[in-house]
């Protein structure tokens, strides 16, 4: 029995959370005898920055300015979940991590450690202007247009090189999905992709 690992990537506002929940339901339905973990780094990080620690205060300031958190915090965010919770043959969805090439290479060491076979990398590809429109509509306090555009600007600088690395690696299976469509259309394409590749 193999673990099934899905790395879900996309800009803020691309709909990763919605599709991540669908992928979780898919794995739970098709592999009911295996534990499935949904690691939403964004949700976990929002909990962290509300704490009173010195580290959380600095991170909160970076977040308010729309900046990108340092790699050591990003890796800490998901790695301690694995160390504390993962079980043998557990399925995992990474939603929002990794976000940089070096983070992906650190996660690659976990692929070796846990002997995961051919993780799937799914990029939900939505253009910047559509993401800005979606994020402005959700009206979160930290979602000013200036902060949103700053948050989106690092996607090309940091995430695209990581995606190129995944595309060129024979250790992963990469899929680009057009996210400028309806939720149902995207879900159908993801379902077909998972059905084809997860056994």
C-alpha atoms as a PDB file:
ATOM      1  CA  UNK A   1       0.000   0.000   0.000  1.00  0.00           C
ATOM      2  CA  UNK A   2       1.376   3.407  -0.986  1.00  0.00           C
ATOM      3  CA  UNK A   3       0.909   6.862   0.454  1.00  0.00           C
ATOM      4  CA  UNK A   4      -0.747   9.286  -1.966  1.00  0.00           C
ATOM      5  CA  UNK A   5       0.799  12.746  -1.840  1.00  0.00           C
ATOM      6  CA  UNK A   6      -0.724  15.795  -3.539  1.00  0.00           C
ATOM      7  CA  UNK A   7       1.033  19.177  -3.584  1.00  0.00           C
ATOM      8  CA  UNK A   8      -1.495  21.884  -4.452  1.00  0.00           C
ATOM      9  CA  UNK A   9      -0.050  25.140  -5.775  1.00  0.00           C
ATOM     10  CA  UNK A  10      -1.637  28.403  -6.896  1.00  0.00           C
ATOM     11  CA  UNK A  11      -1.805  32.131  -6.340  1.00  0.00           C
ATOM     12  CA  UNK A  12      -3.788  33.582  -3.453  1.00  0.00           C
ATOM     13  CA  UNK A  13      -7.384  33.583  -4.664  1.00  0.00           C
ATOM     14  CA  UNK A  14      -6.911  30.686  -7.078  1.00  0.00           C
ATOM     15  CA  UNK A  15      -9.361  28.453  -5.230  1.00  0.00           C
ATOM     16  CA  UNK A  16      -6.815  26.068  -3.692  1.00  0.00           C
ATOM     17  CA  UNK A  17      -8.840  25.696  -0.506  1.00  0.00           C
ATOM     18  CA  UNK A  18     -12.016  24.673  -2.320  1.00  0.00           C
ATOM     19  CA  UNK A  19     -10.227  22.169  -4.536  1.00  0.00           C
ATOM     20  CA  UNK A  20      -8.094  20.955  -1.630  1.00  0.00           C
ATOM     21  CA  UNK A  21     -11.234  19.965   0.260  1.00  0.00           C
ATOM     22  CA  UNK A  22     -12.467  18.122  -2.819  1.00  0.00           C
ATOM     23  CA  UNK A  23      -9.145  16.260  -3.129  1.00  0.00           C
ATOM     24  CA  UNK A  24      -9.400  15.315   0.552  1.00  0.00           C
ATOM     25  CA  UNK A  25     -12.898  13.901  -0.027  1.00  0.00           C
ATOM     26  CA  UNK A  26     -11.632  12.020  -3.087  1.00  0.00           C
ATOM     27  CA  UNK A  27      -8.778  10.388  -1.151  1.00  0.00           C
ATOM     28  CA  UNK A  28     -11.016   9.525   1.801  1.00  0.00           C
ATOM     29  CA  UNK A  29     -13.575   7.993  -0.545  1.00  0.00           C
ATOM     30  CA  UNK A  30     -11.165   5.989  -2.698  1.00  0.00           C
ATOM     31  CA  UNK A  31      -8.686   4.990  -0.002  1.00  0.00           C
ATOM     32  CA  UNK A  32     -10.908   4.702   3.049  1.00  0.00           C
ATOM     33  CA  UNK A  33      -8.490   2.398   4.867  1.00  0.00           C
ATOM     34  CA  UNK A  34      -5.765   5.049   4.834  1.00  0.00           C
ATOM     35  CA  UNK A  35      -5.554   8.155   7.013  1.00  0.00           C
ATOM     36  CA  UNK A  36      -5.670  11.384   4.976  1.00  0.00           C
ATOM     37  CA  UNK A  37      -4.033  14.596   6.223  1.00  0.00           C
ATOM     38  CA  UNK A  38      -4.955  17.981   4.780  1.00  0.00           C
ATOM     39  CA  UNK A  39      -2.148  20.421   5.572  1.00  0.00           C
ATOM     40  CA  UNK A  40      -3.439  23.946   4.910  1.00  0.00           C
ATOM     41  CA  UNK A  41      -0.407  26.085   5.625  1.00  0.00           C
ATOM     42  CA  UNK A  42      -2.323  29.334   5.178  1.00  0.00           C
ATOM     43  CA  UNK A  43      -4.897  28.501   7.861  1.00  0.00           C
ATOM     44  CA  UNK A  44      -2.222  27.225  10.232  1.00  0.00           C
ATOM     45  CA  UNK A  45      -0.117  30.310   9.674  1.00  0.00           C
ATOM     46  CA  UNK A  46      -3.031  32.672  10.376  1.00  0.00           C
ATOM     47  CA  UNK A  47      -3.440  30.935  13.749  1.00  0.00           C
ATOM     48  CA  UNK A  48       0.262  31.302  14.467  1.00  0.00           C
ATOM     49  CA  UNK A  49       0.486  35.056  13.796  1.00  0.00           C
ATOM     50  CA  UNK A  50      -2.321  35.734  16.286  1.00  0.00           C
ATOM     51  CA  UNK A  51      -0.122  34.477  19.135  1.00  0.00           C
ATOM     52  CA  UNK A  52       1.711  36.801  21.524  1.00  0.00           C
ATOM     53  CA  UNK A  53       5.228  35.538  20.906  1.00  0.00           C
ATOM     54  CA  UNK A  54       8.040  37.716  19.592  1.00  0.00           C
ATOM     55  CA  UNK A  55       8.323  35.563  16.465  1.00  0.00           C
ATOM     56  CA  UNK A  56       4.586  35.858  15.775  1.00  0.00           C
ATOM     57  CA  UNK A  57       4.798  39.647  16.137  1.00  0.00           C
ATOM     58  CA  UNK A  58       7.514  39.896  13.471  1.00  0.00           C
ATOM     59  CA  UNK A  59       5.617  37.528  11.178  1.00  0.00           C
ATOM     60  CA  UNK A  60       2.428  39.528  11.663  1.00  0.00           C
ATOM     61  CA  UNK A  61       4.206  42.687  10.516  1.00  0.00           C
ATOM     62  CA  UNK A  62       5.509  40.904   7.403  1.00  0.00           C
ATOM     63  CA  UNK A  63       2.035  39.538   6.691  1.00  0.00           C
ATOM     64  CA  UNK A  64       0.376  42.944   7.081  1.00  0.00           C
ATOM     65  CA  UNK A  65       2.768  44.390   4.510  1.00  0.00           C
ATOM     66  CA  UNK A  66       2.011  41.540   2.079  1.00  0.00           C
ATOM     67  CA  UNK A  67       5.550  40.160   2.369  1.00  0.00           C
ATOM     68  CA  UNK A  68       6.778  36.594   2.052  1.00  0.00           C
ATOM     69  CA  UNK A  69       7.639  34.777   5.273  1.00  0.00           C
ATOM     70  CA  UNK A  70      11.187  33.374   5.667  1.00  0.00           C
ATOM     71  CA  UNK A  71      11.862  29.836   4.556  1.00  0.00           C
ATOM     72  CA  UNK A  72      12.607  28.489   8.027  1.00  0.00           C
ATOM     73  CA  UNK A  73       9.096  29.419   9.200  1.00  0.00           C
ATOM     74  CA  UNK A  74       7.470  28.010   6.076  1.00  0.00           C
ATOM     75  CA  UNK A  75       9.273  24.697   6.537  1.00  0.00           C
ATOM     76  CA  UNK A  76       8.501  24.647  10.282  1.00  0.00           C
ATOM     77  CA  UNK A  77       4.829  25.206   9.448  1.00  0.00           C
ATOM     78  CA  UNK A  78       4.427  21.867   7.665  1.00  0.00           C
ATOM     79  CA  UNK A  79       7.372  19.772   8.861  1.00  0.00           C
ATOM     80  CA  UNK A  80       6.329  19.579  12.504  1.00  0.00           C
ATOM     81  CA  UNK A  81       2.880  18.376  11.407  1.00  0.00           C
ATOM     82  CA  UNK A  82       4.552  15.479   9.607  1.00  0.00           C
ATOM     83  CA  UNK A  83       6.882  14.657  12.471  1.00  0.00           C
ATOM     84  CA  UNK A  84       4.103  14.713  15.084  1.00  0.00           C
ATOM     85  CA  UNK A  85       1.203  13.197  13.152  1.00  0.00           C
ATOM     86  CA  UNK A  86       2.065  11.198  10.055  1.00  0.00           C
ATOM     87  CA  UNK A  87       1.299   7.487  10.118  1.00  0.00           C
ATOM     88  CA  UNK A  88       2.545   4.724   7.853  1.00  0.00           C
ATOM     89  CA  UNK A  89       0.842   4.842   4.443  1.00  0.00           C
ATOM     90  CA  UNK A  90      -0.902   8.104   5.295  1.00  0.00           C
ATOM     91  CA  UNK A  91      -2.185  10.267   2.423  1.00  0.00           C
ATOM     92  CA  UNK A  92      -1.289  13.953   2.467  1.00  0.00           C
ATOM     93  CA  UNK A  93      -2.484  17.094   0.698  1.00  0.00           C
ATOM     94  CA  UNK A  94      -0.136  20.060   0.944  1.00  0.00           C
ATOM     95  CA  UNK A  95      -2.188  23.210   0.336  1.00  0.00           C
ATOM     96  CA  UNK A  96       0.031  26.282  -0.034  1.00  0.00           C
ATOM     97  CA  UNK A  97       3.417  24.659   0.577  1.00  0.00           C
ATOM     98  CA  UNK A  98       6.078  24.630  -0.595  1.00  0.00           C
ATOM     99  CA  UNK A  99       6.328  28.104  -2.179  1.00  0.00           C
ATOM    100  CA  UNK A 100      10.013  28.386  -3.070  1.00  0.00           C
ATOM    101  CA  UNK A 101      12.532  26.145  -4.792  1.00  0.00           C
ATOM    102  CA  UNK A 102      14.560  25.612  -1.626  1.00  0.00           C
ATOM    103  CA  UNK A 103      11.422  24.720   0.348  1.00  0.00           C
ATOM    104  CA  UNK A 104      10.533  22.189  -2.346  1.00  0.00           C
ATOM    105  CA  UNK A 105      13.984  20.676  -2.045  1.00  0.00           C
ATOM    106  CA  UNK A 106      13.561  20.385   1.737  1.00  0.00           C
ATOM    107  CA  UNK A 107      10.215  18.677   1.176  1.00  0.00           C
ATOM    108  CA  UNK A 108      12.002  16.413  -1.306  1.00  0.00           C
ATOM    109  CA  UNK A 109      14.088  15.114   1.612  1.00  0.00           C
ATOM    110  CA  UNK A 110      10.796  14.098   3.268  1.00  0.00           C
ATOM    111  CA  UNK A 111       9.860  12.253   0.069  1.00  0.00           C
ATOM    112  CA  UNK A 112      13.006  10.172   0.553  1.00  0.00           C
ATOM    113  CA  UNK A 113      12.552   9.810   4.312  1.00  0.00           C
ATOM    114  CA  UNK A 114       8.972   8.511   4.038  1.00  0.00           C
ATOM    115  CA  UNK A 115       9.624   6.667   0.743  1.00  0.00           C
ATOM    116  CA  UNK A 116       6.763   8.434  -1.047  1.00  0.00           C
ATOM    117  CA  UNK A 117       6.312   7.414  -4.677  1.00  0.00           C
ATOM    118  CA  UNK A 118       5.657  10.023  -7.384  1.00  0.00           C
ATOM    119  CA  UNK A 119       3.851  12.825  -5.516  1.00  0.00           C
ATOM    120  CA  UNK A 120       1.385  14.743  -7.699  1.00  0.00           C
ATOM    121  CA  UNK A 121       1.915  18.486  -8.130  1.00  0.00           C
ATOM    122  CA  UNK A 122      -1.253  20.313  -9.205  1.00  0.00           C
ATOM    123  CA  UNK A 123      -1.004  23.993 -10.129  1.00  0.00           C
ATOM    124  CA  UNK A 124      -4.311  25.852 -10.310  1.00  0.00           C
ATOM    125  CA  UNK A 125      -3.309  28.571 -12.732  1.00  0.00           C
ATOM    126  CA  UNK A 126      -5.289  31.812 -12.375  1.00  0.00           C
ATOM    127  CA  UNK A 127      -4.098  35.159 -13.732  1.00  0.00           C
ATOM    128  CA  UNK A 128      -3.270  38.021 -11.372  1.00  0.00           C
ATOM    129  CA  UNK A 129      -6.210  40.273 -12.230  1.00  0.00           C
ATOM    130  CA  UNK A 130      -8.743  37.516 -11.624  1.00  0.00           C
ATOM    131  CA  UNK A 131      -7.078  36.769  -8.263  1.00  0.00           C
ATOM    132  CA  UNK A 132      -7.201  40.457  -7.264  1.00  0.00           C
ATOM    133  CA  UNK A 133     -10.914  40.559  -8.095  1.00  0.00           C
ATOM    134  CA  UNK A 134     -11.655  37.415  -6.102  1.00  0.00           C
ATOM    135  CA  UNK A 135      -9.619  38.477  -3.068  1.00  0.00           C
ATOM    136  CA  UNK A 136     -11.192  41.941  -2.969  1.00  0.00           C
ATOM    137  CA  UNK A 137     -14.648  40.321  -2.953  1.00  0.00           C
ATOM    138  CA  UNK A 138     -13.949  38.255   0.157  1.00  0.00           C
ATOM    139  CA  UNK A 139     -13.368  41.496   2.142  1.00  0.00           C
ATOM    140  CA  UNK A 140     -10.866  40.233   4.706  1.00  0.00           C
ATOM    141  CA  UNK A 141      -9.278  42.960   6.820  1.00  0.00           C
ATOM    142  CA  UNK A 142      -5.767  42.330   5.455  1.00  0.00           C
ATOM    143  CA  UNK A 143      -6.927  42.181   1.819  1.00  0.00           C
ATOM    144  CA  UNK A 144      -6.309  45.724   0.598  1.00  0.00           C
ATOM    145  CA  UNK A 145      -5.540  45.939  -3.109  1.00  0.00           C
ATOM    146  CA  UNK A 146      -1.975  47.103  -2.418  1.00  0.00           C
ATOM    147  CA  UNK A 147      -1.268  44.181  -0.080  1.00  0.00           C
ATOM    148  CA  UNK A 148      -2.928  41.708  -2.454  1.00  0.00           C
ATOM    149  CA  UNK A 149      -0.812  42.871  -5.399  1.00  0.00           C
ATOM    150  CA  UNK A 150       2.363  42.659  -3.305  1.00  0.00           C
ATOM    151  CA  UNK A 151       1.421  39.147  -2.205  1.00  0.00           C
ATOM    152  CA  UNK A 152       0.825  38.119  -5.811  1.00  0.00           C
ATOM    153  CA  UNK A 153       4.050  39.692  -7.082  1.00  0.00           C
ATOM    154  CA  UNK A 154       6.265  37.105  -5.413  1.00  0.00           C
ATOM    155  CA  UNK A 155       4.442  34.236  -7.144  1.00  0.00           C
ATOM    156  CA  UNK A 156       6.361  34.687 -10.388  1.00  0.00           C
ATOM    157  CA  UNK A 157       9.641  35.457  -8.608  1.00  0.00           C
ATOM    158  CA  UNK A 158       9.538  32.534  -6.187  1.00  0.00           C
ATOM    159  CA  UNK A 159       6.910  29.967  -7.127  1.00  0.00           C
ATOM    160  CA  UNK A 160       7.507  29.735 -10.878  1.00  0.00           C
ATOM    161  CA  UNK A 161      11.160  28.562 -10.501  1.00  0.00           C
ATOM    162  CA  UNK A 162       9.923  25.897  -8.082  1.00  0.00           C
ATOM    163  CA  UNK A 163       7.287  24.741 -10.571  1.00  0.00           C
ATOM    164  CA  UNK A 164       9.903  24.480 -13.307  1.00  0.00           C
ATOM    165  CA  UNK A 165      11.927  22.240 -10.995  1.00  0.00           C
ATOM    166  CA  UNK A 166       8.901  20.004 -10.426  1.00  0.00           C
ATOM    167  CA  UNK A 167       8.134  19.868 -14.166  1.00  0.00           C
ATOM    168  CA  UNK A 168      11.664  18.706 -14.930  1.00  0.00           C
ATOM    169  CA  UNK A 169      11.897  16.120 -12.132  1.00  0.00           C
ATOM    170  CA  UNK A 170      11.129  12.468 -12.805  1.00  0.00           C
ATOM    171  CA  UNK A 171      10.279  12.076  -9.101  1.00  0.00           C
ATOM    172  CA  UNK A 172       7.028  14.060  -9.424  1.00  0.00           C
ATOM    173  CA  UNK A 173       4.033  14.213 -11.750  1.00  0.00           C
ATOM    174  CA  UNK A 174       3.089  17.808 -12.602  1.00  0.00           C
ATOM    175  CA  UNK A 175      -0.270  19.075 -13.882  1.00  0.00           C
ATOM    176  CA  UNK A 176      -1.212  22.648 -14.817  1.00  0.00           C
ATOM    177  CA  UNK A 177      -4.934  23.320 -14.569  1.00  0.00           C
ATOM    178  CA  UNK A 178      -6.644  26.401 -15.981  1.00  0.00           C
ATOM    179  CA  UNK A 179      -8.231  28.027 -12.938  1.00  0.00           C
ATOM    180  CA  UNK A 180     -10.102  30.737 -14.866  1.00  0.00           C
ATOM    181  CA  UNK A 181     -13.133  28.459 -15.097  1.00  0.00           C
ATOM    182  CA  UNK A 182     -16.000  27.354 -12.902  1.00  0.00           C
ATOM    183  CA  UNK A 183     -15.352  25.419  -9.704  1.00  0.00           C
ATOM    184  CA  UNK A 184     -17.124  22.393 -11.180  1.00  0.00           C
ATOM    185  CA  UNK A 185     -15.033  22.390 -14.369  1.00  0.00           C
ATOM    186  CA  UNK A 186     -11.825  22.532 -12.361  1.00  0.00           C
ATOM    187  CA  UNK A 187     -13.045  19.835  -9.996  1.00  0.00           C
ATOM    188  CA  UNK A 188     -13.889  17.528 -12.917  1.00  0.00           C
ATOM    189  CA  UNK A 189     -10.404  17.915 -14.412  1.00  0.00           C
ATOM    190  CA  UNK A 190      -8.763  17.259 -11.038  1.00  0.00           C
ATOM    191  CA  UNK A 191     -10.961  14.211 -10.468  1.00  0.00           C
ATOM    192  CA  UNK A 192      -9.976  12.752 -13.853  1.00  0.00           C
ATOM    193  CA  UNK A 193      -6.302  13.422 -13.137  1.00  0.00           C
ATOM    194  CA  UNK A 194      -6.441  11.790  -9.693  1.00  0.00           C
ATOM    195  CA  UNK A 195      -8.344   8.788 -11.056  1.00  0.00           C
ATOM    196  CA  UNK A 196      -5.677   8.306 -13.724  1.00  0.00           C
ATOM    197  CA  UNK A 197      -2.647   8.626 -11.463  1.00  0.00           C
ATOM    198  CA  UNK A 198      -3.651   7.343  -8.013  1.00  0.00           C
ATOM    199  CA  UNK A 199      -3.985   3.578  -7.644  1.00  0.00           C
END
